[in-house]
Amino acid sequence: MRRFHPSTVCKGSQAMAVPKRRTSHARQGNRRSHLHVKPIQIQYCPQCNEPVLPHRVCPNCGYYQGREVVAPEKEEK
């Protein structure tokens, strides 16, 4: 059996990196530990106490950081 030097086998192209051992379930889980879905952070409007996403105008009353930014739409009957 002939042995080849690594530089002569891959003439011009680069060899791919291949793992020497299989990744265990524990290592795979440790790598994926930060890939979980984070819950949506909900705040409550100080004016009307409705749930509002942070850094957004309240869709119910139109207030943002204690002042009215958007006038609320009046419902017509």
Protein backbone atom coordinates (compact mmCIF):
# COMPACT_ATOMS: atom_id res chain seq x y z
CA MET A 1 0.00 0.00 0.00
CA ARG A 2 1.36 3.38 -1.00
CA ARG A 3 1.15 6.38 1.25
CA PHE A 4 0.67 9.83 -0.22
CA HIS A 5 1.81 13.08 1.23
CA PRO A 6 -1.23 15.31 2.02
CA SER A 7 -0.01 18.13 -0.22
CA THR A 8 0.09 15.85 -3.28
CA VAL A 9 -3.43 14.47 -2.80
CA CYS A 10 -5.33 17.78 -2.98
CA LYS A 11 -3.63 19.40 -5.99
CA GLY A 12 -4.79 23.01 -6.03
CA SER A 13 -7.98 22.51 -4.02
CA GLN A 14 -8.25 22.70 -0.27
CA ALA A 15 -9.30 19.73 1.82
CA MET A 16 -12.45 20.08 3.93
CA ALA A 17 -12.34 19.98 7.70
CA VAL A 18 -13.86 16.70 8.87
CA PRO A 19 -14.71 15.97 12.51
CA LYS A 20 -12.67 13.23 14.08
CA ARG A 21 -15.41 12.13 16.47
CA ARG A 22 -19.17 12.29 16.54
CA THR A 23 -20.65 15.20 18.54
CA SER A 24 -22.31 13.84 21.68
CA HIS A 25 -25.86 14.81 22.69
CA ALA A 26 -24.50 16.76 25.66
CA ARG A 27 -22.12 18.85 23.56
CA GLN A 28 -24.79 19.39 20.94
CA GLY A 29 -27.21 20.55 23.67
CA ASN A 30 -24.61 22.88 25.18
CA ARG A 31 -24.03 24.46 21.80
CA ARG A 32 -27.77 24.98 21.28
CA SER A 33 -28.47 26.29 24.79
CA HIS A 34 -28.86 29.89 23.57
CA LEU A 35 -31.08 29.10 20.59
CA HIS A 36 -34.32 29.03 22.57
CA VAL A 37 -37.22 31.36 21.80
CA LYS A 38 -37.41 34.21 24.28
CA PRO A 39 -40.83 35.36 25.57
CA ILE A 40 -42.18 38.69 24.36
CA GLN A 41 -41.55 41.47 26.89
CA ILE A 42 -44.86 43.18 27.60
CA GLN A 43 -45.25 46.39 29.55
CA TYR A 44 -48.45 48.07 30.67
CA CYS A 45 -49.47 51.59 29.70
CA PRO A 46 -49.50 53.89 32.77
CA GLN A 47 -52.53 55.79 31.39
CA CYS A 48 -54.95 52.99 30.46
CA ASN A 49 -53.21 49.86 31.87
CA GLU A 50 -53.39 48.04 28.53
CA PRO A 51 -50.51 45.74 27.48
CA VAL A 52 -48.06 47.52 25.14
CA LEU A 53 -44.84 46.42 23.48
CA PRO A 54 -41.83 48.40 24.76
CA HIS A 55 -40.75 51.58 22.94
CA ARG A 56 -44.06 51.87 21.10
CA VAL A 57 -47.06 54.20 21.31
CA CYS A 58 -50.03 52.70 23.13
CA PRO A 59 -52.57 51.67 20.46
CA ASN A 60 -55.44 52.17 22.90
CA CYS A 61 -54.87 55.71 24.21
CA GLY A 62 -52.04 57.07 22.02
CA TYR A 63 -49.69 57.94 24.91
CA TYR A 64 -45.92 57.39 24.87
CA GLN A 65 -43.65 58.27 27.83
CA GLY A 66 -46.34 60.26 29.63
CA ARG A 67 -47.50 62.48 26.77
CA GLU A 68 -50.11 62.10 24.06
CA VAL A 69 -48.35 61.49 20.77
CA VAL A 70 -51.20 60.23 18.62
CA ALA A 71 -54.76 61.44 19.03
CA PRO A 72 -57.07 58.47 19.58
CA GLU A 73 -59.52 57.76 16.78
CA LYS A 74 -63.10 58.59 17.67
CA GLU A 75 -65.61 55.86 16.98
CA GLU A 76 -68.62 57.02 14.96
CA LYS A 77 -71.93 55.23 15.43
